Amino acid sequence: MSSRLPPLNPLRAFEATARRGSVSAAARELNVTHGAISHQIRALELSFNAALFERGGKRLKLTPQGALLLPAVTEAFQGIAAATAAMTRPTTSGQLRIACVPALLSFWMIPRLHLFTEQFPDVQLTLIASNDAANLFSGDVDICLLYGDGNWPDCWARLWSRLELFPVVSPTLLNMRPLRSVRDLRDHVILHGDDGREWNTWLAAADGIDIQRGRQHFMSDARLSTEAALHNQGVALGDTITAGSLIAKGELIAPFDLTVPANDAFYVACRNEVRAAPIVKVFIDWLFSALESDPMPELQTSARTIIRARAAKVSAPERLPSKDGFKPVSSPARARRPEPTPKRRVKP
């Protein structure tokens, strides 16, 4: 087949001349002389043994043979140009497999997923809810968003966000069973998204580590404990990333204004050999830009108990309800009404 095809350069000269309507315009486009274009066209006509242009007017006109050839040549050059562009530009199409902390996936990534797909419509995502660092070494996963210490050997990892932890509760449950002080937590079900360490960290900062606790439920991850709080099942620990939007929408309330740093942080990580792939790079860049352009909302201060964390250890008498550093507030329905005295009756 190749022996029956005309040379490439004469075809380029013919296509440009036919499209531009003159030899001079084609010469300028191809950055060659007028004579070179004329020579290439004559050579092409000789190879076909047919005239391709009607000569004599100010603007060249195609002969029937030239009109037959032009669409095929144009389509061929367009195909070559498209293939060349696809080969030389970064690949932003294909499949990408993401393993993500379940709570972060449900409450942060999925609500913003359209922002990525609008920018990169040719990328197909597979999303996996998992905080298993073993995914870093699996060929079935390209990128991981992990909650941990960032110390994973033989891979690339970058800190994505640190976290602050604080209790969260639904407005419905808070109306039924107010949280006037940290001691009122004993009347609520405590919802754990881990083995209990993070609640212990917060309670220690609130000087409540010795408070008698009622029922407690332990769940495999923070997504489940947060969902349980949304369904009025108890009080969970939220964080500034995953619970922020739920608080902004009024679906959850932060009843105390004490936050503590989380034991770990969110990291973006992947295998070293995967990091260089353009499709991986664009998703990682999007993760950081989305976090920077969408700051977390301020926690609502209404219906919250003011907690002043103590730097020094307090004595036993100071832990009496009237002197434990907590100021009671009204239930959410009455949070904005000023009261004449700091001690006021709360209606369940």
Protein backbone atom coordinates (compact mmCIF):
# COMPACT_ATOMS: atom_id res chain seq x y z
CA MET A 1 0.00 0.00 0.00
CA SER A 2 2.82 2.45 0.83
CA SER A 3 4.17 2.24 -2.74
CA ARG A 4 0.89 3.62 -4.09
CA LEU A 5 0.81 6.67 -1.75
CA PRO A 6 2.09 10.04 -2.97
CA PRO A 7 4.91 11.78 -1.07
CA LEU A 8 3.97 13.61 2.13
CA ASN A 9 5.46 17.07 1.37
CA PRO A 10 3.59 17.52 -1.94
CA LEU A 11 0.37 16.52 -0.17
CA ARG A 12 1.02 19.17 2.52
CA ALA A 13 1.62 21.80 -0.16
CA PHE A 14 -1.57 20.78 -1.99
CA GLU A 15 -3.74 20.82 1.16
CA ALA A 16 -2.48 24.20 2.36
CA THR A 17 -2.88 25.76 -1.10
CA ALA A 18 -6.40 24.43 -1.53
CA ARG A 19 -7.42 25.54 1.97
CA ARG A 20 -5.84 29.01 1.75
CA GLY A 21 -6.77 29.63 -1.91
CA SER A 22 -3.32 30.76 -3.08
CA VAL A 23 0.24 29.53 -3.40
CA SER A 24 1.61 32.59 -1.57
CA ALA A 25 -0.62 32.02 1.49
CA ALA A 26 0.36 28.35 1.60
CA ALA A 27 4.05 29.28 1.38
CA ARG A 28 3.70 31.63 4.37
CA GLU A 29 1.90 28.98 6.43
CA LEU A 30 4.48 26.30 5.72
CA ASN A 31 7.38 28.74 5.98
CA VAL A 32 8.77 27.95 2.52
CA THR A 33 9.13 29.91 -0.72
CA HIS A 34 6.44 30.46 -3.35
CA GLY A 35 8.53 28.47 -5.81
CA ALA A 36 8.82 25.51 -3.44
CA ILE A 37 5.03 25.24 -3.15
CA SER A 38 4.59 25.47 -6.92
CA HIS A 39 7.24 22.77 -7.40
CA GLN A 40 5.57 20.43 -4.92
CA ILE A 41 2.16 20.83 -6.53
CA ARG A 42 3.57 20.14 -10.02
CA ALA A 43 5.30 17.03 -8.68
CA LEU A 44 2.03 15.81 -7.18
CA GLU A 45 0.15 16.43 -10.41
CA LEU A 46 2.79 14.47 -12.30
CA SER A 47 2.45 11.56 -9.89
CA PHE A 48 -1.33 11.49 -10.51
CA ASN A 49 -0.99 12.42 -14.19
CA ALA A 50 -3.82 14.88 -13.59
CA ALA A 51 -4.19 18.62 -12.96
CA LEU A 52 -5.34 19.48 -9.43
CA PHE A 53 -5.92 23.24 -9.88
CA GLU A 54 -7.41 25.37 -12.62
CA ARG A 55 -4.88 28.10 -13.25
CA GLY A 56 -5.56 31.52 -14.73
CA GLY A 57 -7.65 33.38 -12.13
CA LYS A 58 -6.61 35.39 -9.09
CA ARG A 59 -7.74 32.53 -6.83
CA LEU A 60 -6.94 28.94 -7.56
CA LYS A 61 -9.84 26.60 -8.16
CA LEU A 62 -9.77 22.86 -7.70
CA THR A 63 -10.32 20.60 -10.68
CA PRO A 64 -12.70 17.65 -10.22
CA GLN A 65 -9.66 15.47 -9.47
CA GLY A 66 -8.40 17.98 -6.90
CA ALA A 67 -11.85 18.21 -5.28
CA LEU A 68 -11.89 14.42 -4.98
CA LEU A 69 -8.45 14.33 -3.34
CA LEU A 70 -8.80 17.23 -0.87
CA PRO A 71 -11.27 15.74 1.69
CA ALA A 72 -9.19 12.58 2.07
CA VAL A 73 -5.96 14.54 2.50
CA THR A 74 -7.57 16.96 4.98
CA GLU A 75 -8.96 14.14 7.11
CA ALA A 76 -5.60 12.35 7.09
CA PHE A 77 -3.71 15.44 8.26
CA GLN A 78 -6.29 16.14 10.97
CA GLY A 79 -5.90 12.58 12.25
CA ILE A 80 -2.12 12.91 12.32
CA ALA A 81 -2.37 16.23 14.18
CA ALA A 82 -4.77 14.79 16.77
CA ALA A 83 -2.57 11.75 17.36
CA THR A 84 0.52 13.94 17.71
CA ALA A 85 -1.21 16.19 20.25
CA ALA A 86 -2.36 13.17 22.25
CA MET A 87 1.18 11.78 22.32
CA THR A 88 2.83 15.01 23.41
CA ARG A 89 0.39 16.35 26.03
CA PRO A 90 0.14 14.98 29.59
CA THR A 91 -2.32 12.12 29.82
CA THR A 92 -5.40 13.32 31.70
CA SER A 93 -7.67 10.53 30.64
CA GLY A 94 -8.10 6.95 31.72
CA GLN A 95 -8.87 5.16 34.98
CA LEU A 96 -7.70 6.22 38.43
CA ARG A 97 -8.22 4.17 41.58
CA ILE A 98 -8.39 6.05 44.88
CA ALA A 99 -8.44 4.55 48.38
CA CYS A 100 -9.60 7.11 50.95
CA VAL A 101 -10.38 7.32 54.66
CA PRO A 102 -14.12 6.47 54.78
CA ALA A 103 -15.22 9.64 56.63
CA LEU A 104 -13.14 11.86 54.37
CA LEU A 105 -14.51 10.12 51.30
CA SER A 106 -18.16 10.46 52.35
CA PHE A 107 -18.20 13.92 53.90
CA TRP A 108 -15.49 15.80 51.99
CA MET A 109 -14.47 14.21 48.69
CA ILE A 110 -17.79 13.02 47.27
CA PRO A 111 -19.57 16.38 47.80
CA ARG A 112 -16.74 18.02 45.79
CA LEU A 113 -16.23 15.29 43.20
CA HIS A 114 -18.03 17.21 40.47
CA LEU A 115 -15.34 19.90 40.63
CA PHE A 116 -12.75 17.35 39.53
CA THR A 117 -14.88 15.63 36.90
CA GLU A 118 -15.82 18.95 35.32
CA GLN A 119 -12.15 19.82 34.98
CA PHE A 120 -11.06 16.35 33.85
CA PRO A 121 -14.09 14.73 32.19
CA ASP A 122 -12.07 11.91 30.63
CA VAL A 123 -10.83 10.53 33.96
CA GLN A 124 -12.85 7.63 35.34
CA LEU A 125 -12.51 7.23 39.11
CA THR A 126 -12.83 4.12 41.22
CA LEU A 127 -13.30 5.13 44.87
CA ILE A 128 -12.53 2.72 47.71
CA ALA A 129 -13.43 3.48 51.34
CA SER A 130 -10.38 2.27 53.25
CA ASN A 131 -7.71 3.49 55.63
CA ASP A 132 -5.53 0.40 55.10
CA ALA A 133 -1.92 1.38 54.39
CA ALA A 134 -1.49 -1.96 52.62
CA ASN A 135 -3.28 -0.35 49.66
CA LEU A 136 -0.08 1.63 49.06
CA PHE A 137 1.57 -1.53 47.82
CA SER A 138 -1.37 -2.89 45.87
CA GLY A 139 -1.41 -2.70 42.09
CA ASP A 140 -5.19 -2.21 42.32
CA VAL A 141 -4.84 1.26 43.93
CA ASP A 142 -3.11 4.33 42.47
CA ILE A 143 -3.49 6.97 45.22
CA CYS A 144 -4.24 6.70 48.95
CA LEU A 145 -5.60 9.31 51.34
CA LEU A 146 -4.67 7.91 54.72
CA TYR A 147 -5.13 8.90 58.34
CA GLY A 148 -1.86 8.10 60.06
CA ASP A 149 1.61 9.30 60.94
CA GLY A 150 2.87 9.49 57.35
CA ASN A 151 5.67 7.04 58.03
CA TRP A 152 5.20 4.46 55.29
CA PRO A 153 8.46 3.08 53.83
CA ASP A 154 9.25 2.83 50.14
CA CYS A 155 6.52 5.22 49.00
CA TRP A 156 5.83 8.90 48.43
CA ALA A 157 3.72 10.69 51.06
CA ARG A 158 2.80 14.33 51.69
CA LEU A 159 0.90 15.89 54.58
CA TRP A 160 -2.54 16.98 53.34
CA SER A 161 -4.16 18.35 56.49
CA ARG A 162 -3.84 18.28 60.25
CA LEU A 163 -7.01 17.93 62.29
CA GLU A 164 -8.68 19.34 65.38
CA LEU A 165 -11.12 17.09 67.23
CA PHE A 166 -14.27 18.08 69.14
CA PRO A 167 -17.59 16.47 70.16
CA VAL A 168 -20.53 16.72 67.76
CA VAL A 169 -24.20 15.97 68.35
CA SER A 170 -27.43 16.35 66.41
CA PRO A 171 -29.70 19.32 67.22
CA THR A 172 -32.56 16.90 67.86
CA LEU A 173 -30.68 14.96 70.51
CA LEU A 174 -29.34 18.16 72.09
CA ASN A 175 -32.89 19.47 72.42
CA MET A 176 -34.00 16.29 74.14
CA ARG A 177 -30.94 15.92 76.35
CA PRO A 178 -28.93 19.14 76.77
CA LEU A 179 -25.19 19.24 77.28
CA ARG A 180 -24.85 21.99 79.88
CA SER A 181 -21.36 20.89 80.92
CA VAL A 182 -18.89 18.17 80.11
CA ARG A 183 -20.32 16.17 83.05
CA ASP A 184 -23.57 15.82 81.12
CA LEU A 185 -21.78 13.47 78.72
CA ARG A 186 -22.45 10.71 81.25
CA ASP A 187 -26.13 10.96 80.27
CA HIS A 188 -25.30 10.41 76.58
CA VAL A 189 -24.08 7.48 74.52
CA ILE A 190 -20.44 8.04 73.55
CA LEU A 191 -19.72 7.07 69.94
CA HIS A 192 -16.17 6.00 69.15
CA GLY A 193 -14.64 5.87 65.67
CA ASP A 194 -11.54 4.14 67.02
CA ASP A 195 -10.52 2.18 70.11
CA GLY A 196 -11.28 5.12 72.42
CA ARG A 197 -7.94 6.95 72.36
CA GLU A 198 -9.24 10.10 70.69
CA TRP A 199 -12.14 10.56 73.09
CA ASN A 200 -9.66 10.07 75.96
CA THR A 201 -7.46 12.80 74.48
CA TRP A 202 -10.36 15.25 74.34
CA LEU A 203 -11.69 14.39 77.80
CA ALA A 204 -8.23 14.80 79.31
CA ALA A 205 -7.98 18.29 77.80
CA ALA A 206 -11.47 19.09 79.14
CA ASP A 207 -10.48 17.86 82.61
CA GLY A 208 -13.11 15.15 82.29
CA ILE A 209 -11.09 11.97 82.02
CA ASP A 210 -12.48 10.71 85.36
CA ILE A 211 -16.12 11.40 84.54
CA GLN A 212 -18.30 8.37 84.86
CA ARG A 213 -19.36 7.25 81.40
CA GLY A 214 -22.63 5.71 80.40
CA ARG A 215 -23.11 3.57 77.35
CA GLN A 216 -20.44 3.55 74.66
CA HIS A 217 -20.43 2.18 71.12
CA PHE A 218 -17.23 1.39 69.25
CA MET A 219 -17.20 1.53 65.46
CA SER A 220 -14.63 0.72 62.82
CA ASP A 221 -14.16 4.28 61.61
CA ALA A 222 -15.23 7.89 62.08
CA ARG A 223 -17.69 7.78 59.20
CA LEU A 224 -19.87 5.32 61.12
CA SER A 225 -19.66 7.23 64.39
CA THR A 226 -20.50 10.49 62.58
CA GLU A 227 -23.46 8.89 60.81
CA ALA A 228 -24.65 7.54 64.14
CA ALA A 229 -24.51 11.06 65.58
CA LEU A 230 -26.50 12.34 62.60
CA HIS A 231 -29.17 9.77 63.46
CA ASN A 232 -29.42 10.94 67.09
CA GLN A 233 -27.63 7.88 68.47
CA GLY A 234 -25.17 9.74 70.69
CA VAL A 235 -22.22 12.10 70.79
CA ALA A 236 -19.32 11.49 68.41
CA LEU A 237 -15.96 13.14 67.88
CA GLY A 238 -15.87 15.22 64.73
CA ASP A 239 -12.96 16.93 63.05
CA THR A 240 -12.43 20.17 61.18
CA ILE A 241 -12.43 18.48 57.76
CA THR A 242 -15.19 15.90 57.78
CA ALA A 243 -17.64 17.51 60.23
CA GLY A 244 -17.20 21.14 59.17
CA SER A 245 -19.76 21.09 56.36
CA LEU A 246 -22.27 19.15 58.48
CA ILE A 247 -22.02 21.83 61.17
CA ALA A 248 -22.34 24.61 58.59
CA LYS A 249 -25.57 23.02 57.32
CA GLY A 250 -26.95 22.69 60.83
CA GLU A 251 -27.02 18.89 60.74
CA LEU A 252 -24.60 18.67 63.65
CA ILE A 253 -23.69 21.00 66.52
CA ALA A 254 -20.40 21.36 68.37
CA PRO A 255 -21.67 21.78 71.95
CA PHE A 256 -18.27 22.65 73.47
CA ASP A 257 -15.69 25.08 72.20
CA LEU A 258 -12.64 23.01 73.12
CA THR A 259 -10.74 21.38 70.28
CA VAL A 260 -7.67 19.18 70.57
CA PRO A 261 -5.12 18.16 67.93
CA ALA A 262 -5.77 14.71 66.52
CA ASN A 263 -3.23 12.01 67.21
CA ASP A 264 -2.54 11.66 63.48
CA ALA A 265 -3.20 13.60 60.27
CA PHE A 266 -4.43 13.12 56.69
CA TYR A 267 -1.75 12.23 54.12
CA VAL A 268 -1.75 11.76 50.36
CA ALA A 269 0.46 8.83 49.44
CA CYS A 270 1.29 6.55 46.54
CA ARG A 271 4.02 4.29 45.22
CA ASN A 272 7.10 6.08 43.92
CA GLU A 273 6.74 4.68 40.41
CA VAL A 274 3.10 5.83 40.21
CA ARG A 275 3.81 9.40 41.35
CA ALA A 276 5.27 10.39 37.96
CA ALA A 277 2.14 9.45 35.98
CA PRO A 278 0.43 12.65 34.69
CA ILE A 279 -3.05 11.40 35.60
CA VAL A 280 -1.89 10.80 39.18
CA LYS A 281 -0.27 14.22 39.36
CA VAL A 282 -3.40 16.08 38.25
CA PHE A 283 -5.54 14.37 40.92
CA ILE A 284 -3.02 15.05 43.68
CA ASP A 285 -2.73 18.68 42.59
CA TRP A 286 -6.52 18.93 42.60
CA LEU A 287 -6.72 17.56 46.16
CA PHE A 288 -4.44 20.29 47.49
CA SER A 289 -5.99 23.10 45.44
CA ALA A 290 -9.52 22.07 46.48
CA LEU A 291 -8.51 22.14 50.14
CA GLU A 292 -6.90 25.57 49.80
CA SER A 293 -9.78 27.10 47.84
CA ASP A 294 -12.50 25.73 50.12
CA PRO A 295 -11.55 26.60 53.71
CA MET A 296 -13.39 24.91 56.51
CA PRO A 297 -16.31 26.92 57.95
CA GLU A 298 -16.02 28.38 61.42
CA LEU A 299 -17.69 26.27 64.08
CA GLN A 300 -21.02 27.67 65.20
CA THR A 301 -20.76 29.32 68.58
CA SER A 302 -24.46 29.16 69.38
CA ALA A 303 -25.68 26.42 71.70
CA ARG A 304 -22.15 25.63 72.84
CA THR A 305 -20.73 25.29 76.28
CA ILE A 306 -17.66 27.43 76.88
CA ILE A 307 -14.75 25.32 78.08
CA ARG A 308 -11.51 26.78 79.31
CA ALA A 309 -8.79 24.15 79.19
CA ARG A 310 -6.55 24.33 82.20
CA ALA A 311 -2.84 24.40 81.98
CA ALA A 312 -2.34 23.21 85.57
CA LYS A 313 -3.87 20.34 87.44
CA VAL A 314 -6.85 21.34 89.54
CA SER A 315 -7.60 20.14 93.01
CA ALA A 316 -10.52 17.91 93.93
CA PRO A 317 -12.77 20.64 95.44
CA GLU A 318 -12.42 22.66 92.23
CA ARG A 319 -14.12 19.89 90.33
CA LEU A 320 -17.49 20.62 91.88
CA PRO A 321 -20.14 21.43 89.24
CA SER A 322 -20.25 25.11 90.23
CA LYS A 323 -16.50 25.57 90.00
CA ASP A 324 -15.37 23.26 87.23
CA GLY A 325 -14.79 25.95 84.63
CA PHE A 326 -17.90 25.24 82.55
CA LYS A 327 -20.61 27.75 81.87
CA PRO A 328 -24.02 26.32 81.06
CA VAL A 329 -25.85 27.50 77.97
CA SER A 330 -29.37 27.08 76.74
CA SER A 331 -30.55 24.44 74.35
CA PRO A 332 -30.10 25.21 70.62
CA ALA A 333 -33.64 26.54 70.31
CA ARG A 334 -32.92 29.19 72.93
CA ALA A 335 -29.21 29.77 72.35
CA ARG A 336 -29.55 33.28 70.97
CA ARG A 337 -31.66 34.65 73.80
CA PRO A 338 -29.70 36.56 76.42
CA GLU A 339 -30.26 35.52 80.02
CA PRO A 340 -29.84 37.71 83.09
CA THR A 341 -27.84 35.14 85.08
CA PRO A 342 -25.21 32.61 84.05
CA LYS A 343 -27.13 29.82 85.76
CA ARG A 344 -30.35 29.29 83.92
CA ARG A 345 -32.80 26.53 83.65
CA VAL A 346 -32.67 24.42 80.48
CA LYS A 347 -35.78 22.87 79.15
CA PRO A 348 -35.26 19.45 77.69
